[in-house]
């Protein structure tokens, strides 16, 4: 099975990016216990004050899909929803490199 990766983009409600990031990062247990997740890193965009980028690498597409059915993950999404103005991103296919 090939690995699966995404670059997720969350646009926070204006002025709420830090609160959104803090809420997501405070759920470190949820993030660290996602089965099949190799890395899940939250970044602040330097030139977009309300944007967070998330880099994700998963053992497989199925592992990513399963994470979205996890009750703790669904609860975290629900807690954060009021801080998110828009969500999107792109799916990419990892080819190799350091950390692959």
PDB file of N, CA and C in Angstrom:
ATOM      1  N   UNK A   1       0.833  -1.177   0.000  1.00  0.00           N
ATOM      2  CA  UNK A   1       0.000   0.000   0.000  1.00  0.00           C
ATOM      3  C   UNK A   1       0.882   1.246   0.000  1.00  0.00           C
ATOM      4  N   UNK A   2       0.493   2.243  -0.745  1.00  0.00           N
ATOM      5  CA  UNK A   2       1.298   3.460  -0.775  1.00  0.00           C
ATOM      6  C   UNK A   2       0.818   4.450   0.284  1.00  0.00           C
ATOM      7  N   UNK A   3       1.733   5.281   0.712  1.00  0.00           N
ATOM      8  CA  UNK A   3       1.407   6.285   1.715  1.00  0.00           C
ATOM      9  C   UNK A   3       0.480   7.340   1.112  1.00  0.00           C
ATOM     10  N   UNK A   4      -0.176   8.084   1.997  1.00  0.00           N
ATOM     11  CA  UNK A   4      -1.131   9.110   1.597  1.00  0.00           C
ATOM     12  C   UNK A   4      -0.767  10.402   2.313  1.00  0.00           C
ATOM     13  N   UNK A   5      -0.809  11.512   1.608  1.00  0.00           N
ATOM     14  CA  UNK A   5      -0.458  12.797   2.208  1.00  0.00           C
ATOM     15  C   UNK A   5      -1.447  13.874   1.796  1.00  0.00           C
ATOM     16  N   UNK A   6      -1.534  14.890   2.630  1.00  0.00           N
ATOM     17  CA  UNK A   6      -2.384  16.045   2.363  1.00  0.00           C
ATOM     18  C   UNK A   6      -1.716  17.309   2.874  1.00  0.00           C
ATOM     19  N   UNK A   7      -2.016  18.396   2.193  1.00  0.00           N
ATOM     20  CA  UNK A   7      -1.727  19.734   2.703  1.00  0.00           C
ATOM     21  C   UNK A   7      -3.098  20.352   2.968  1.00  0.00           C
ATOM     22  N   UNK A   8      -3.486  20.400   4.225  1.00  0.00           N
ATOM     23  CA  UNK A   8      -4.791  20.952   4.584  1.00  0.00           C
ATOM     24  C   UNK A   8      -4.674  22.434   4.850  1.00  0.00           C
ATOM     25  N   UNK A   9      -5.731  23.169   4.524  1.00  0.00           N
ATOM     26  CA  UNK A   9      -5.753  24.608   4.769  1.00  0.00           C
ATOM     27  C   UNK A   9      -7.010  24.939   5.566  1.00  0.00           C
ATOM     28  N   UNK A  10      -6.816  25.511   6.746  1.00  0.00           N
ATOM     29  CA  UNK A  10      -7.922  25.978   7.563  1.00  0.00           C
ATOM     30  C   UNK A  10      -7.836  27.494   7.660  1.00  0.00           C
ATOM     31  N   UNK A  11      -8.897  28.161   7.268  1.00  0.00           N
ATOM     32  CA  UNK A  11      -8.983  29.606   7.443  1.00  0.00           C
ATOM     33  C   UNK A  11      -9.858  29.847   8.661  1.00  0.00           C
ATOM     34  N   UNK A  12      -9.270  30.479   9.645  1.00  0.00           N
ATOM     35  CA  UNK A  12      -9.988  30.748  10.891  1.00  0.00           C
ATOM     36  C   UNK A  12     -10.909  31.951  10.721  1.00  0.00           C
ATOM     37  N   UNK A  13     -11.909  32.008  11.578  1.00  0.00           N
ATOM     38  CA  UNK A  13     -12.716  33.215  11.698  1.00  0.00           C
ATOM     39  C   UNK A  13     -11.714  34.345  11.978  1.00  0.00           C
ATOM     40  N   UNK A  14     -11.881  35.519  11.359  1.00  0.00           N
ATOM     41  CA  UNK A  14     -10.895  36.592  11.545  1.00  0.00           C
ATOM     42  C   UNK A  14     -10.525  36.818  13.008  1.00  0.00           C
ATOM     43  N   UNK A  15      -9.213  36.829  13.249  1.00  0.00           N
ATOM     44  CA  UNK A  15      -8.680  37.058  14.583  1.00  0.00           C
ATOM     45  C   UNK A  15      -8.665  35.840  15.496  1.00  0.00           C
ATOM     46  N   UNK A  16      -9.074  34.679  15.004  1.00  0.00           N
ATOM     47  CA  UNK A  16      -9.193  33.491  15.850  1.00  0.00           C
ATOM     48  C   UNK A  16      -8.188  32.384  15.502  1.00  0.00           C
ATOM     49  N   UNK A  17      -7.213  32.681  14.646  1.00  0.00           N
ATOM     50  CA  UNK A  17      -6.264  31.642  14.234  1.00  0.00           C
ATOM     51  C   UNK A  17      -5.523  31.046  15.425  1.00  0.00           C
ATOM     52  N   UNK A  18      -5.002  31.887  16.291  1.00  0.00           N
ATOM     53  CA  UNK A  18      -4.223  31.378  17.428  1.00  0.00           C
ATOM     54  C   UNK A  18      -5.099  30.518  18.331  1.00  0.00           C
ATOM     55  N   UNK A  19      -6.330  30.943  18.558  1.00  0.00           N
ATOM     56  CA  UNK A  19      -7.251  30.167  19.387  1.00  0.00           C
ATOM     57  C   UNK A  19      -7.528  28.807  18.746  1.00  0.00           C
ATOM     58  N   UNK A  20      -7.715  28.791  17.441  1.00  0.00           N
ATOM     59  CA  UNK A  20      -7.940  27.534  16.723  1.00  0.00           C
ATOM     60  C   UNK A  20      -6.720  26.626  16.839  1.00  0.00           C
ATOM     61  N   UNK A  21      -5.543  27.177  16.579  1.00  0.00           N
ATOM     62  CA  UNK A  21      -4.311  26.385  16.677  1.00  0.00           C
ATOM     63  C   UNK A  21      -4.126  25.841  18.084  1.00  0.00           C
ATOM     64  N   UNK A  22      -4.334  26.682  19.084  1.00  0.00           N
ATOM     65  CA  UNK A  22      -4.172  26.247  20.477  1.00  0.00           C
ATOM     66  C   UNK A  22      -5.144  25.126  20.823  1.00  0.00           C
ATOM     67  N   UNK A  23      -6.380  25.247  20.339  1.00  0.00           N
ATOM     68  CA  UNK A  23      -7.382  24.222  20.629  1.00  0.00           C
ATOM     69  C   UNK A  23      -6.977  22.891  19.985  1.00  0.00           C
ATOM     70  N   UNK A  24      -6.488  22.964  18.767  1.00  0.00           N
ATOM     71  CA  UNK A  24      -6.062  21.737  18.086  1.00  0.00           C
ATOM     72  C   UNK A  24      -4.835  21.131  18.760  1.00  0.00           C
ATOM     73  N   UNK A  25      -3.876  21.975  19.113  1.00  0.00           N
ATOM     74  CA  UNK A  25      -2.648  21.480  19.732  1.00  0.00           C
ATOM     75  C   UNK A  25      -2.872  20.983  21.154  1.00  0.00           C
ATOM     76  N   UNK A  26      -3.868  21.517  21.852  1.00  0.00           N
ATOM     77  CA  UNK A  26      -4.180  21.055  23.202  1.00  0.00           C
ATOM     78  C   UNK A  26      -4.706  19.631  23.180  1.00  0.00           C
ATOM     79  N   UNK A  27      -5.163  19.191  22.033  1.00  0.00           N
ATOM     80  CA  UNK A  27      -5.674  17.824  21.882  1.00  0.00           C
ATOM     81  C   UNK A  27      -4.566  16.895  21.420  1.00  0.00           C
ATOM     82  N   UNK A  28      -3.374  17.082  21.962  1.00  0.00           N
ATOM     83  CA  UNK A  28      -2.209  16.311  21.538  1.00  0.00           C
ATOM     84  C   UNK A  28      -2.430  14.810  21.665  1.00  0.00           C
ATOM     85  N   UNK A  29      -3.164  14.375  22.700  1.00  0.00           N
ATOM     86  CA  UNK A  29      -3.441  12.947  22.852  1.00  0.00           C
ATOM     87  C   UNK A  29      -4.213  12.428  21.642  1.00  0.00           C
ATOM     88  N   UNK A  30      -5.212  13.179  21.221  1.00  0.00           N
ATOM     89  CA  UNK A  30      -6.004  12.773  20.054  1.00  0.00           C
ATOM     90  C   UNK A  30      -5.113  12.694  18.829  1.00  0.00           C
ATOM     91  N   UNK A  31      -4.296  13.731  18.612  1.00  0.00           N
ATOM     92  CA  UNK A  31      -3.441  13.764  17.425  1.00  0.00           C
ATOM     93  C   UNK A  31      -2.392  12.656  17.457  1.00  0.00           C
ATOM     94  N   UNK A  32      -1.786  12.420  18.617  1.00  0.00           N
ATOM     95  CA  UNK A  32      -0.711  11.428  18.682  1.00  0.00           C
ATOM     96  C   UNK A  32      -1.221   9.998  18.624  1.00  0.00           C
ATOM     97  N   UNK A  33      -2.504   9.794  18.926  1.00  0.00           N
ATOM     98  CA  UNK A  33      -3.049   8.438  18.937  1.00  0.00           C
ATOM     99  C   UNK A  33      -3.778   8.058  17.653  1.00  0.00           C
ATOM    100  N   UNK A  34      -3.686   8.887  16.609  1.00  0.00           N
ATOM    101  CA  UNK A  34      -4.355   8.547  15.356  1.00  0.00           C
ATOM    102  C   UNK A  34      -3.588   7.410  14.685  1.00  0.00           C
ATOM    103  N   UNK A  35      -4.205   6.245  14.646  1.00  0.00           N
ATOM    104  CA  UNK A  35      -3.569   5.061  14.090  1.00  0.00           C
ATOM    105  C   UNK A  35      -3.263   5.263  12.604  1.00  0.00           C
ATOM    106  N   UNK A  36      -2.039   4.917  12.229  1.00  0.00           N
ATOM    107  CA  UNK A  36      -1.634   5.041  10.835  1.00  0.00           C
ATOM    108  C   UNK A  36      -1.102   6.411  10.460  1.00  0.00           C
ATOM    109  N   UNK A  37      -1.104   7.348  11.419  1.00  0.00           N
ATOM    110  CA  UNK A  37      -0.610   8.706  11.158  1.00  0.00           C
ATOM    111  C   UNK A  37       0.897   8.748  11.409  1.00  0.00           C
ATOM    112  N   UNK A  38       1.640   9.116  10.388  1.00  0.00           N
ATOM    113  CA  UNK A  38       3.094   9.241  10.524  1.00  0.00           C
ATOM    114  C   UNK A  38       3.446  10.623  11.052  1.00  0.00           C
ATOM    115  N   UNK A  39       2.837  11.657  10.467  1.00  0.00           N
ATOM    116  CA  UNK A  39       2.960  12.994  11.039  1.00  0.00           C
ATOM    117  C   UNK A  39       1.750  13.844  10.697  1.00  0.00           C
ATOM    118  N   UNK A  40       1.484  14.797  11.577  1.00  0.00           N
ATOM    119  CA  UNK A  40       0.368  15.724  11.471  1.00  0.00           C
ATOM    120  C   UNK A  40       0.865  17.004  12.123  1.00  0.00           C
ATOM    121  N   UNK A  41       1.258  17.967  11.300  1.00  0.00           N
ATOM    122  CA  UNK A  41       1.903  19.173  11.814  1.00  0.00           C
ATOM    123  C   UNK A  41       1.078  20.395  11.427  1.00  0.00           C
ATOM    124  N   UNK A  42       0.822  21.241  12.414  1.00  0.00           N
ATOM    125  CA  UNK A  42       0.041  22.466  12.212  1.00  0.00           C
ATOM    126  C   UNK A  42       1.010  23.640  12.086  1.00  0.00           C
ATOM    127  N   UNK A  43       0.804  24.461  11.054  1.00  0.00           N
ATOM    128  CA  UNK A  43       1.674  25.610  10.771  1.00  0.00           C
ATOM    129  C   UNK A  43       0.844  26.884  10.652  1.00  0.00           C
ATOM    130  N   UNK A  44       1.401  28.017  11.062  1.00  0.00           N
ATOM    131  CA  UNK A  44       0.796  29.318  10.788  1.00  0.00           C
ATOM    132  C   UNK A  44       1.340  29.832   9.468  1.00  0.00           C
ATOM    133  N   UNK A  45       0.467  30.342   8.620  1.00  0.00           N
ATOM    134  CA  UNK A  45       0.905  30.981   7.382  1.00  0.00           C
ATOM    135  C   UNK A  45       1.501  32.342   7.737  1.00  0.00           C
ATOM    136  N   UNK A  46       2.688  32.633   7.237  1.00  0.00           N
ATOM    137  CA  UNK A  46       3.351  33.890   7.578  1.00  0.00           C
ATOM    138  C   UNK A  46       2.662  35.099   6.958  1.00  0.00           C
ATOM    139  N   UNK A  47       2.088  34.938   5.781  1.00  0.00           N
ATOM    140  CA  UNK A  47       1.529  36.088   5.069  1.00  0.00           C
ATOM    141  C   UNK A  47       0.005  36.116   5.026  1.00  0.00           C
ATOM    142  N   UNK A  48      -0.635  35.173   5.717  1.00  0.00           N
ATOM    143  CA  UNK A  48      -2.092  35.138   5.784  1.00  0.00           C
ATOM    144  C   UNK A  48      -2.475  35.007   7.257  1.00  0.00           C
ATOM    145  N   UNK A  49      -2.904  36.097   7.893  1.00  0.00           N
ATOM    146  CA  UNK A  49      -3.071  36.113   9.344  1.00  0.00           C
ATOM    147  C   UNK A  49      -4.154  35.191   9.906  1.00  0.00           C
ATOM    148  N   UNK A  50      -5.037  34.676   9.077  1.00  0.00           N
ATOM    149  CA  UNK A  50      -6.090  33.796   9.580  1.00  0.00           C
ATOM    150  C   UNK A  50      -5.939  32.351   9.123  1.00  0.00           C
ATOM    151  N   UNK A  51      -4.813  32.021   8.466  1.00  0.00           N
ATOM    152  CA  UNK A  51      -4.667  30.698   7.842  1.00  0.00           C
ATOM    153  C   UNK A  51      -3.704  29.799   8.611  1.00  0.00           C
ATOM    154  N   UNK A  52      -4.161  28.546   8.773  1.00  0.00           N
ATOM    155  CA  UNK A  52      -3.313  27.463   9.268  1.00  0.00           C
ATOM    156  C   UNK A  52      -3.139  26.457   8.138  1.00  0.00           C
ATOM    157  N   UNK A  53      -1.939  25.955   7.974  1.00  0.00           N
ATOM    158  CA  UNK A  53      -1.675  24.855   7.043  1.00  0.00           C
ATOM    159  C   UNK A  53      -1.361  23.624   7.881  1.00  0.00           C
ATOM    160  N   UNK A  54      -1.830  22.490   7.429  1.00  0.00           N
ATOM    161  CA  UNK A  54      -1.596  21.234   8.126  1.00  0.00           C
ATOM    162  C   UNK A  54      -0.950  20.271   7.141  1.00  0.00           C
ATOM    163  N   UNK A  55       0.219  19.751   7.505  1.00  0.00           N
ATOM    164  CA  UNK A  55       0.850  18.723   6.678  1.00  0.00           C
ATOM    165  C   UNK A  55       0.590  17.387   7.341  1.00  0.00           C
ATOM    166  N   UNK A  56       0.116  16.452   6.540  1.00  0.00           N
ATOM    167  CA  UNK A  56      -0.251  15.125   7.053  1.00  0.00           C
ATOM    168  C   UNK A  56       0.402  14.047   6.198  1.00  0.00           C
ATOM    169  N   UNK A  57       0.922  13.027   6.843  1.00  0.00           N
ATOM    170  CA  UNK A  57       1.406  11.842   6.149  1.00  0.00           C
ATOM    171  C   UNK A  57       0.843  10.629   6.869  1.00  0.00           C
ATOM    172  N   UNK A  58       0.215   9.748   6.100  1.00  0.00           N
ATOM    173  CA  UNK A  58      -0.467   8.566   6.618  1.00  0.00           C
ATOM    174  C   UNK A  58       0.099   7.314   5.977  1.00  0.00           C
ATOM    175  N   UNK A  59       0.008   6.207   6.694  1.00  0.00           N
ATOM    176  CA  UNK A  59       0.438   4.913   6.159  1.00  0.00           C
ATOM    177  C   UNK A  59      -0.321   4.563   4.887  1.00  0.00           C
ATOM    178  N   UNK A  60      -1.601   4.996   4.809  1.00  0.00           N
ATOM    179  CA  UNK A  60      -2.418   4.693   3.633  1.00  0.00           C
ATOM    180  C   UNK A  60      -3.613   5.647   3.586  1.00  0.00           C
ATOM    181  N   UNK A  61      -4.272   5.693   2.454  1.00  0.00           N
ATOM    182  CA  UNK A  61      -5.500   6.469   2.285  1.00  0.00           C
ATOM    183  C   UNK A  61      -6.576   5.953   3.259  1.00  0.00           C
ATOM    184  N   UNK A  62      -6.594   4.646   3.456  1.00  0.00           N
ATOM    185  CA  UNK A  62      -7.574   4.034   4.355  1.00  0.00           C
ATOM    186  C   UNK A  62      -7.357   4.464   5.812  1.00  0.00           C
ATOM    187  N   UNK A  63      -6.103   4.600   6.227  1.00  0.00           N
ATOM    188  CA  UNK A  63      -5.810   5.051   7.589  1.00  0.00           C
ATOM    189  C   UNK A  63      -6.324   6.474   7.792  1.00  0.00           C
ATOM    190  N   UNK A  64      -6.149   7.316   6.783  1.00  0.00           N
ATOM    191  CA  UNK A  64      -6.666   8.680   6.872  1.00  0.00           C
ATOM    192  C   UNK A  64      -8.187   8.666   6.979  1.00  0.00           C
ATOM    193  N   UNK A  65      -8.836   7.898   6.126  1.00  0.00           N
ATOM    194  CA  UNK A  65     -10.307   7.817   6.154  1.00  0.00           C
ATOM    195  C   UNK A  65     -10.800   7.297   7.498  1.00  0.00           C
ATOM    196  N   UNK A  66     -10.118   6.311   8.057  1.00  0.00           N
ATOM    197  CA  UNK A  66     -10.512   5.755   9.352  1.00  0.00           C
ATOM    198  C   UNK A  66     -10.379   6.793  10.460  1.00  0.00           C
ATOM    199  N   UNK A  67      -9.379   7.662  10.364  1.00  0.00           N
ATOM    200  CA  UNK A  67      -9.190   8.680  11.407  1.00  0.00           C
ATOM    201  C   UNK A  67     -10.392   9.612  11.485  1.00  0.00           C
ATOM    202  N   UNK A  68     -11.021   9.864  10.362  1.00  0.00           N
ATOM    203  CA  UNK A  68     -12.176  10.765  10.334  1.00  0.00           C
ATOM    204  C   UNK A  68     -13.420  10.137  10.938  1.00  0.00           C
ATOM    205  N   UNK A  69     -13.368   8.829  11.184  1.00  0.00           N
ATOM    206  CA  UNK A  69     -14.471   8.130  11.852  1.00  0.00           C
ATOM    207  C   UNK A  69     -14.202   7.942  13.348  1.00  0.00           C
ATOM    208  N   UNK A  70     -12.984   8.261  13.777  1.00  0.00           N
ATOM    209  CA  UNK A  70     -12.594   8.132  15.178  1.00  0.00           C
ATOM    210  C   UNK A  70     -13.391   9.126  16.025  1.00  0.00           C
ATOM    211  N   UNK A  71     -13.974   8.647  17.105  1.00  0.00           N
ATOM    212  CA  UNK A  71     -14.833   9.490  17.946  1.00  0.00           C
ATOM    213  C   UNK A  71     -14.088  10.693  18.527  1.00  0.00           C
ATOM    214  N   UNK A  72     -12.840  10.503  18.954  1.00  0.00           N
ATOM    215  CA  UNK A  72     -12.064  11.621  19.509  1.00  0.00           C
ATOM    216  C   UNK A  72     -11.778  12.674  18.439  1.00  0.00           C
ATOM    217  N   UNK A  73     -11.477  12.225  17.236  1.00  0.00           N
ATOM    218  CA  UNK A  73     -11.209  13.159  16.137  1.00  0.00           C
ATOM    219  C   UNK A  73     -12.489  13.920  15.792  1.00  0.00           C
ATOM    220  N   UNK A  74     -13.601  13.218  15.715  1.00  0.00           N
ATOM    221  CA  UNK A  74     -14.884  13.859  15.406  1.00  0.00           C
ATOM    222  C   UNK A  74     -15.258  14.882  16.490  1.00  0.00           C
ATOM    223  N   UNK A  75     -14.970  14.552  17.740  1.00  0.00           N
ATOM    224  CA  UNK A  75     -15.232  15.470  18.849  1.00  0.00           C
ATOM    225  C   UNK A  75     -14.362  16.722  18.730  1.00  0.00           C
ATOM    226  N   UNK A  76     -13.078  16.542  18.386  1.00  0.00           N
ATOM    227  CA  UNK A  76     -12.170  17.675  18.203  1.00  0.00           C
ATOM    228  C   UNK A  76     -12.658  18.576  17.073  1.00  0.00           C
ATOM    229  N   UNK A  77     -13.060  17.993  15.964  1.00  0.00           N
ATOM    230  CA  UNK A  77     -13.577  18.777  14.840  1.00  0.00           C
ATOM    231  C   UNK A  77     -14.803  19.580  15.289  1.00  0.00           C
ATOM    232  N   UNK A  78     -15.678  18.941  16.030  1.00  0.00           N
ATOM    233  CA  UNK A  78     -16.868  19.628  16.528  1.00  0.00           C
ATOM    234  C   UNK A  78     -16.534  20.800  17.433  1.00  0.00           C
ATOM    235  N   UNK A  79     -15.542  20.626  18.314  1.00  0.00           N
ATOM    236  CA  UNK A  79     -15.142  21.711  19.226  1.00  0.00           C
ATOM    237  C   UNK A  79     -14.527  22.885  18.472  1.00  0.00           C
ATOM    238  N   UNK A  80     -13.861  22.599  17.360  1.00  0.00           N
ATOM    239  CA  UNK A  80     -13.158  23.643  16.606  1.00  0.00           C
ATOM    240  C   UNK A  80     -14.039  24.322  15.552  1.00  0.00           C
ATOM    241  N   UNK A  81     -15.129  23.696  15.186  1.00  0.00           N
ATOM    242  CA  UNK A  81     -15.930  24.150  14.046  1.00  0.00           C
ATOM    243  C   UNK A  81     -16.288  25.640  14.096  1.00  0.00           C
ATOM    244  N   UNK A  82     -16.628  26.169  15.284  1.00  0.00           N
ATOM    245  CA  UNK A  82     -17.045  27.570  15.376  1.00  0.00           C
ATOM    246  C   UNK A  82     -15.904  28.549  15.101  1.00  0.00           C
ATOM    247  N   UNK A  83     -14.665  28.058  15.094  1.00  0.00           N
ATOM    248  CA  UNK A  83     -13.506  28.910  14.822  1.00  0.00           C
ATOM    249  C   UNK A  83     -13.052  28.835  13.369  1.00  0.00           C
ATOM    250  N   UNK A  84     -13.660  27.956  12.580  1.00  0.00           N
ATOM    251  CA  UNK A  84     -13.227  27.722  11.197  1.00  0.00           C
ATOM    252  C   UNK A  84     -14.173  28.415  10.229  1.00  0.00           C
ATOM    253  N   UNK A  85     -13.634  29.338   9.422  1.00  0.00           N
ATOM    254  CA  UNK A  85     -14.418  30.019   8.399  1.00  0.00           C
ATOM    255  C   UNK A  85     -14.444  29.217   7.099  1.00  0.00           C
ATOM    256  N   UNK A  86     -13.342  28.504   6.815  1.00  0.00           N
ATOM    257  CA  UNK A  86     -13.248  27.728   5.582  1.00  0.00           C
ATOM    258  C   UNK A  86     -12.206  26.630   5.755  1.00  0.00           C
ATOM    259  N   UNK A  87     -12.463  25.502   5.113  1.00  0.00           N
ATOM    260  CA  UNK A  87     -11.520  24.387   5.160  1.00  0.00           C
ATOM    261  C   UNK A  87     -11.325  23.847   3.751  1.00  0.00           C
ATOM    262  N   UNK A  88     -10.113  23.459   3.455  1.00  0.00           N
ATOM    263  CA  UNK A  88      -9.817  22.897   2.142  1.00  0.00           C
ATOM    264  C   UNK A  88      -8.440  22.278   2.169  1.00  0.00           C
ATOM    265  N   UNK A  89      -7.887  22.099   1.017  1.00  0.00           N
ATOM    266  CA  UNK A  89      -6.550  21.536   0.926  1.00  0.00           C
ATOM    267  C   UNK A  89      -6.398  20.722  -0.330  1.00  0.00           C
ATOM    268  N   UNK A  90      -5.250  20.101  -0.440  1.00  0.00           N
ATOM    269  CA  UNK A  90      -4.984  19.253  -1.598  1.00  0.00           C
ATOM    270  C   UNK A  90      -4.401  17.928  -1.138  1.00  0.00           C
ATOM    271  N   UNK A  91      -4.756  16.890  -1.852  1.00  0.00           N
ATOM    272  CA  UNK A  91      -4.200  15.562  -1.610  1.00  0.00           C
ATOM    273  C   UNK A  91      -3.018  15.405  -2.552  1.00  0.00           C
ATOM    274  N   UNK A  92      -1.949  14.853  -2.035  1.00  0.00           N
ATOM    275  CA  UNK A  92      -0.741  14.656  -2.833  1.00  0.00           C
ATOM    276  C   UNK A  92      -0.248  13.223  -2.670  1.00  0.00           C
ATOM    277  N   UNK A  93       0.547  12.773  -3.616  1.00  0.00           N
ATOM    278  CA  UNK A  93       1.105  11.422  -3.561  1.00  0.00           C
ATOM    279  C   UNK A  93       2.596  11.518  -3.255  1.00  0.00           C
ATOM    280  N   UNK A  94       3.003  11.067  -2.063  1.00  0.00           N
ATOM    281  CA  UNK A  94       4.419  11.125  -1.715  1.00  0.00           C
ATOM    282  C   UNK A  94       5.238  10.180  -2.594  1.00  0.00           C
ATOM    283  N   UNK A  95       6.386  10.667  -3.018  1.00  0.00           N
ATOM    284  CA  UNK A  95       7.275   9.871  -3.859  1.00  0.00           C
ATOM    285  C   UNK A  95       8.495   9.375  -3.103  1.00  0.00           C
ATOM    286  N   UNK A  96       8.880  10.054  -2.025  1.00  0.00           N
ATOM    287  CA  UNK A  96      10.054   9.652  -1.250  1.00  0.00           C
ATOM    288  C   UNK A  96      10.734  10.866  -0.674  1.00  0.00           C
ATOM    289  N   UNK A  97      11.833  10.640   0.014  1.00  0.00           N
ATOM    290  CA  UNK A  97      12.597  11.713   0.636  1.00  0.00           C
ATOM    291  C   UNK A  97      12.775  11.456   2.117  1.00  0.00           C
ATOM    292  N   UNK A  98      13.409  12.379   2.816  1.00  0.00           N
ATOM    293  CA  UNK A  98      13.664  12.234   4.246  1.00  0.00           C
ATOM    294  C   UNK A  98      12.331  12.207   4.986  1.00  0.00           C
ATOM    295  N   UNK A  99      12.139  11.237   5.846  1.00  0.00           N
ATOM    296  CA  UNK A  99      10.910  11.098   6.605  1.00  0.00           C
ATOM    297  C   UNK A  99       9.881  10.229   5.939  1.00  0.00           C
ATOM    298  N   UNK A 100      10.140   9.818   4.717  1.00  0.00           N
ATOM    299  CA  UNK A 100       9.204   8.974   3.993  1.00  0.00           C
ATOM    300  C   UNK A 100       9.301   7.570   4.515  1.00  0.00           C
TER     301      UNK A 100
END
